[in-house]
Amino acid sequence: MPSIEVEGKKIELDEDDFLVNTEDWNEKVACALADRLGVSKACPLTKEKMEVIKFMREYYNKYKAFPIPRYICLNVHQQKNCTYEQFFDPLSAYKIAGLPRVVA
């Protein structure tokens, strides 16, 4: 099973780079995930990216559902395609935000 190391702690990931334990998430874990996914090589993540990530986490914690990308951008007052511009695709943002893998 893949993992990342953050401050001496091993954080387990699944085969698609989602956190195995979503409670392991913090901003330093987000930076390590962003590095692993090639989204950001210089942490801390930009203010705009962190606004997106934090909104996604709040939304998921409140509704137990993934927010729609355009809804995210609207609520963080960024351009309508901000998740694509900031993260290449929303799935990368979901992973960096430490949201759980959805099994269909």
N, C-alpha and C. Protein backbone atom coordinates (compact mmCIF):
# COMPACT_ATOMS: atom_id res chain seq x y z
N MET A 1 0.85 -1.17 0.00
CA MET A 1 0.00 0.00 0.00
C MET A 1 0.90 1.24 0.00
N PRO A 2 0.63 2.20 -0.87
CA PRO A 2 1.46 3.42 -0.90
C PRO A 2 1.25 4.26 0.36
N SER A 3 2.22 5.11 0.61
CA SER A 3 2.12 5.99 1.77
C SER A 3 2.96 7.24 1.53
N ILE A 4 2.73 8.24 2.37
CA ILE A 4 3.56 9.44 2.39
C ILE A 4 4.02 9.61 3.83
N GLU A 5 5.11 10.32 4.02
CA GLU A 5 5.57 10.59 5.37
C GLU A 5 5.47 12.08 5.64
N VAL A 6 4.82 12.42 6.73
CA VAL A 6 4.63 13.81 7.11
C VAL A 6 5.03 13.95 8.57
N GLU A 7 6.03 14.76 8.81
CA GLU A 7 6.54 15.00 10.17
C GLU A 7 6.82 13.69 10.90
N GLY A 8 7.44 12.75 10.21
CA GLY A 8 7.82 11.49 10.80
C GLY A 8 6.70 10.48 10.95
N LYS A 9 5.51 10.82 10.51
CA LYS A 9 4.37 9.90 10.60
C LYS A 9 4.04 9.35 9.22
N LYS A 10 3.85 8.04 9.16
CA LYS A 10 3.49 7.38 7.91
C LYS A 10 1.98 7.51 7.71
N ILE A 11 1.60 8.09 6.57
CA ILE A 11 0.18 8.27 6.23
C ILE A 11 -0.13 7.33 5.08
N GLU A 12 -1.03 6.40 5.32
CA GLU A 12 -1.36 5.40 4.30
C GLU A 12 -2.33 5.95 3.27
N LEU A 13 -2.07 5.56 2.01
CA LEU A 13 -2.92 5.93 0.88
C LEU A 13 -3.42 4.65 0.24
N ASP A 14 -4.54 4.74 -0.47
CA ASP A 14 -4.98 3.58 -1.24
C ASP A 14 -4.25 3.61 -2.58
N GLU A 15 -4.56 2.66 -3.43
CA GLU A 15 -3.85 2.54 -4.71
C GLU A 15 -4.07 3.72 -5.65
N ASP A 16 -5.08 4.55 -5.38
CA ASP A 16 -5.36 5.73 -6.21
C ASP A 16 -5.02 7.04 -5.50
N ASP A 17 -4.25 6.96 -4.43
CA ASP A 17 -3.77 8.12 -3.67
C ASP A 17 -4.83 8.84 -2.84
N PHE A 18 -5.89 8.16 -2.47
CA PHE A 18 -6.83 8.71 -1.48
C PHE A 18 -6.32 8.31 -0.10
N LEU A 19 -6.54 9.17 0.90
CA LEU A 19 -6.18 8.81 2.26
C LEU A 19 -6.98 7.60 2.71
N VAL A 20 -6.33 6.65 3.34
CA VAL A 20 -7.03 5.50 3.90
C VAL A 20 -7.84 5.95 5.11
N ASN A 21 -7.23 6.80 5.94
CA ASN A 21 -7.90 7.33 7.12
C ASN A 21 -8.04 8.84 6.93
N THR A 22 -9.22 9.32 6.65
CA THR A 22 -9.42 10.74 6.37
C THR A 22 -9.09 11.62 7.57
N GLU A 23 -9.06 11.04 8.76
CA GLU A 23 -8.72 11.81 9.96
C GLU A 23 -7.23 12.13 10.04
N ASP A 24 -6.42 11.55 9.16
CA ASP A 24 -4.98 11.87 9.10
C ASP A 24 -4.74 13.22 8.45
N TRP A 25 -5.76 13.83 7.86
CA TRP A 25 -5.58 15.05 7.09
C TRP A 25 -5.25 16.26 7.95
N ASN A 26 -4.32 17.05 7.47
CA ASN A 26 -4.06 18.40 7.96
C ASN A 26 -3.40 19.14 6.80
N GLU A 27 -3.07 20.40 6.97
CA GLU A 27 -2.52 21.18 5.86
C GLU A 27 -1.17 20.64 5.39
N LYS A 28 -0.39 20.08 6.28
CA LYS A 28 0.91 19.51 5.88
C LYS A 28 0.70 18.24 5.07
N VAL A 29 -0.29 17.46 5.42
CA VAL A 29 -0.64 16.27 4.63
C VAL A 29 -1.12 16.72 3.26
N ALA A 30 -1.92 17.79 3.21
CA ALA A 30 -2.39 18.33 1.93
C ALA A 30 -1.20 18.71 1.05
N CYS A 31 -0.19 19.34 1.63
CA CYS A 31 1.00 19.71 0.86
C CYS A 31 1.72 18.48 0.33
N ALA A 32 1.86 17.45 1.16
CA ALA A 32 2.53 16.23 0.73
C ALA A 32 1.74 15.54 -0.39
N LEU A 33 0.42 15.54 -0.27
CA LEU A 33 -0.42 14.96 -1.33
C LEU A 33 -0.30 15.77 -2.62
N ALA A 34 -0.29 17.09 -2.50
CA ALA A 34 -0.16 17.96 -3.68
C ALA A 34 1.18 17.70 -4.36
N ASP A 35 2.24 17.53 -3.59
CA ASP A 35 3.55 17.21 -4.17
C ASP A 35 3.49 15.87 -4.89
N ARG A 36 2.89 14.87 -4.25
CA ARG A 36 2.81 13.53 -4.84
C ARG A 36 2.02 13.54 -6.15
N LEU A 37 0.97 14.36 -6.20
CA LEU A 37 0.11 14.42 -7.38
C LEU A 37 0.63 15.40 -8.44
N GLY A 38 1.72 16.10 -8.13
CA GLY A 38 2.29 17.04 -9.08
C GLY A 38 1.53 18.34 -9.21
N VAL A 39 0.72 18.66 -8.22
CA VAL A 39 -0.08 19.88 -8.25
C VAL A 39 0.72 21.06 -7.73
N SER A 40 1.53 20.85 -6.73
CA SER A 40 2.29 21.94 -6.12
C SER A 40 3.61 21.40 -5.61
N LYS A 41 4.67 21.97 -6.10
CA LYS A 41 5.99 21.56 -5.61
C LYS A 41 6.49 22.51 -4.54
N ALA A 42 5.78 23.56 -4.29
CA ALA A 42 6.21 24.53 -3.28
C ALA A 42 5.08 24.74 -2.27
N CYS A 43 5.19 24.11 -1.14
CA CYS A 43 4.19 24.31 -0.10
C CYS A 43 4.63 25.45 0.78
N PRO A 44 3.77 26.18 1.40
CA PRO A 44 2.37 25.84 1.48
C PRO A 44 1.64 26.07 0.16
N LEU A 45 0.53 25.39 0.03
CA LEU A 45 -0.32 25.59 -1.14
C LEU A 45 -0.75 27.04 -1.20
N THR A 46 -1.03 27.54 -2.38
CA THR A 46 -1.45 28.93 -2.51
C THR A 46 -2.74 29.18 -1.72
N LYS A 47 -2.97 30.43 -1.42
CA LYS A 47 -4.19 30.82 -0.69
C LYS A 47 -5.43 30.36 -1.46
N GLU A 48 -5.42 30.53 -2.79
CA GLU A 48 -6.58 30.17 -3.61
C GLU A 48 -6.83 28.66 -3.56
N LYS A 49 -5.77 27.87 -3.64
CA LYS A 49 -5.93 26.41 -3.57
C LYS A 49 -6.45 25.99 -2.20
N MET A 50 -5.92 26.59 -1.15
CA MET A 50 -6.37 26.23 0.19
C MET A 50 -7.82 26.62 0.42
N GLU A 51 -8.27 27.73 -0.16
CA GLU A 51 -9.69 28.10 -0.05
C GLU A 51 -10.56 27.01 -0.66
N VAL A 52 -10.16 26.50 -1.82
CA VAL A 52 -10.91 25.44 -2.49
C VAL A 52 -10.92 24.18 -1.62
N ILE A 53 -9.75 23.79 -1.15
CA ILE A 53 -9.62 22.57 -0.35
C ILE A 53 -10.45 22.66 0.94
N LYS A 54 -10.33 23.76 1.63
CA LYS A 54 -11.07 23.91 2.89
C LYS A 54 -12.58 23.93 2.66
N PHE A 55 -13.03 24.59 1.58
CA PHE A 55 -14.46 24.58 1.29
C PHE A 55 -14.94 23.16 1.01
N MET A 56 -14.15 22.40 0.24
CA MET A 56 -14.53 21.02 -0.07
C MET A 56 -14.67 20.19 1.20
N ARG A 57 -13.73 20.36 2.12
CA ARG A 57 -13.78 19.60 3.37
C ARG A 57 -15.00 19.99 4.20
N GLU A 58 -15.26 21.29 4.31
CA GLU A 58 -16.43 21.75 5.07
C GLU A 58 -17.73 21.23 4.45
N TYR A 59 -17.83 21.32 3.14
CA TYR A 59 -19.02 20.86 2.44
C TYR A 59 -19.22 19.36 2.68
N TYR A 60 -18.15 18.60 2.49
CA TYR A 60 -18.26 17.15 2.67
C TYR A 60 -18.65 16.81 4.11
N ASN A 61 -18.03 17.45 5.06
CA ASN A 61 -18.34 17.17 6.47
C ASN A 61 -19.79 17.51 6.81
N LYS A 62 -20.33 18.53 6.17
CA LYS A 62 -21.71 18.93 6.44
C LYS A 62 -22.73 18.04 5.73
N TYR A 63 -22.48 17.73 4.44
CA TYR A 63 -23.48 17.04 3.62
C TYR A 63 -23.15 15.58 3.29
N LYS A 64 -21.94 15.14 3.62
CA LYS A 64 -21.48 13.78 3.30
C LYS A 64 -21.60 13.50 1.79
N ALA A 65 -21.26 14.51 1.02
CA ALA A 65 -21.29 14.42 -0.44
C ALA A 65 -20.20 15.31 -1.00
N PHE A 66 -19.77 15.00 -2.20
CA PHE A 66 -18.76 15.82 -2.87
C PHE A 66 -19.42 17.03 -3.50
N PRO A 67 -18.86 18.22 -3.31
CA PRO A 67 -19.43 19.40 -3.95
C PRO A 67 -19.15 19.41 -5.44
N ILE A 68 -20.06 20.00 -6.19
CA ILE A 68 -19.90 20.16 -7.63
C ILE A 68 -18.84 21.23 -7.87
N PRO A 69 -17.91 20.99 -8.81
CA PRO A 69 -16.82 21.94 -9.01
C PRO A 69 -17.25 23.40 -9.18
N ARG A 70 -18.25 23.67 -9.98
CA ARG A 70 -18.67 25.06 -10.18
C ARG A 70 -19.23 25.68 -8.90
N TYR A 71 -19.88 24.87 -8.09
CA TYR A 71 -20.41 25.35 -6.81
C TYR A 71 -19.27 25.74 -5.88
N ILE A 72 -18.18 24.98 -5.91
CA ILE A 72 -17.01 25.30 -5.10
C ILE A 72 -16.50 26.68 -5.48
N CYS A 73 -16.28 26.88 -6.77
CA CYS A 73 -15.71 28.13 -7.27
C CYS A 73 -16.60 29.32 -6.92
N LEU A 74 -17.89 29.14 -7.06
CA LEU A 74 -18.83 30.20 -6.72
C LEU A 74 -18.71 30.59 -5.24
N ASN A 75 -18.59 29.59 -4.38
CA ASN A 75 -18.55 29.84 -2.95
C ASN A 75 -17.22 30.37 -2.43
N VAL A 76 -16.15 30.15 -3.17
CA VAL A 76 -14.86 30.70 -2.75
C VAL A 76 -14.51 31.94 -3.58
N HIS A 77 -15.48 32.41 -4.36
CA HIS A 77 -15.34 33.65 -5.14
C HIS A 77 -14.15 33.61 -6.09
N GLN A 78 -14.06 32.48 -6.82
CA GLN A 78 -13.03 32.33 -7.85
C GLN A 78 -13.72 32.08 -9.19
N GLN A 79 -12.93 32.09 -10.26
CA GLN A 79 -13.49 31.86 -11.59
C GLN A 79 -14.22 30.52 -11.64
N LYS A 80 -15.21 30.42 -12.54
CA LYS A 80 -16.10 29.25 -12.55
C LYS A 80 -15.39 27.92 -12.80
N ASN A 81 -14.21 27.93 -13.34
CA ASN A 81 -13.46 26.69 -13.57
C ASN A 81 -12.26 26.58 -12.64
N CYS A 82 -12.35 27.16 -11.47
CA CYS A 82 -11.19 27.23 -10.57
C CYS A 82 -10.64 25.87 -10.21
N THR A 83 -11.48 24.86 -10.04
CA THR A 83 -10.96 23.56 -9.65
C THR A 83 -10.09 22.97 -10.76
N TYR A 84 -10.47 23.22 -12.00
CA TYR A 84 -9.66 22.73 -13.13
C TYR A 84 -8.39 23.56 -13.28
N GLU A 85 -8.49 24.86 -13.08
CA GLU A 85 -7.32 25.73 -13.23
C GLU A 85 -6.32 25.52 -12.10
N GLN A 86 -6.78 25.32 -10.91
CA GLN A 86 -5.90 25.18 -9.76
C GLN A 86 -5.33 23.77 -9.60
N PHE A 87 -6.08 22.74 -10.00
CA PHE A 87 -5.71 21.36 -9.69
C PHE A 87 -5.67 20.41 -10.89
N PHE A 88 -5.82 20.88 -12.08
CA PHE A 88 -5.87 20.05 -13.29
C PHE A 88 -7.22 19.36 -13.44
N ASP A 89 -7.72 18.77 -12.37
CA ASP A 89 -9.05 18.18 -12.38
C ASP A 89 -9.56 18.12 -10.94
N PRO A 90 -10.87 18.12 -10.76
CA PRO A 90 -11.42 18.11 -9.40
C PRO A 90 -11.02 16.89 -8.58
N LEU A 91 -10.77 15.76 -9.22
CA LEU A 91 -10.40 14.56 -8.47
C LEU A 91 -9.10 14.78 -7.69
N SER A 92 -8.15 15.48 -8.27
CA SER A 92 -6.92 15.80 -7.55
C SER A 92 -7.23 16.66 -6.32
N ALA A 93 -8.11 17.62 -6.49
CA ALA A 93 -8.49 18.47 -5.36
C ALA A 93 -9.16 17.65 -4.26
N TYR A 94 -10.03 16.71 -4.64
CA TYR A 94 -10.69 15.87 -3.64
C TYR A 94 -9.65 15.07 -2.85
N LYS A 95 -8.65 14.54 -3.55
CA LYS A 95 -7.60 13.77 -2.88
C LYS A 95 -6.80 14.65 -1.93
N ILE A 96 -6.39 15.82 -2.40
CA ILE A 96 -5.60 16.74 -1.57
C ILE A 96 -6.40 17.20 -0.36
N ALA A 97 -7.70 17.34 -0.52
CA ALA A 97 -8.57 17.74 0.59
C ALA A 97 -8.78 16.61 1.59
N GLY A 98 -8.29 15.42 1.27
CA GLY A 98 -8.42 14.30 2.19
C GLY A 98 -9.81 13.71 2.25
N LEU A 99 -10.60 13.94 1.20
CA LEU A 99 -11.95 13.39 1.17
C LEU A 99 -11.88 11.88 0.89
N PRO A 100 -12.86 11.13 1.36
CA PRO A 100 -12.81 9.68 1.19
C PRO A 100 -13.08 9.25 -0.24
N ARG A 101 -12.60 8.08 -0.53
CA ARG A 101 -12.86 7.47 -1.83
C ARG A 101 -14.31 7.00 -1.83
N VAL A 102 -15.01 7.28 -2.91
CA VAL A 102 -16.40 6.85 -3.04
C VAL A 102 -16.40 5.55 -3.84
N VAL A 103 -17.00 4.53 -3.27
CA VAL A 103 -17.08 3.24 -3.94
C VAL A 103 -18.48 3.12 -4.52
N ALA A 104 -18.55 2.95 -5.81
CA ALA A 104 -19.86 2.86 -6.47
C ALA A 104 -20.32 1.44 -6.57
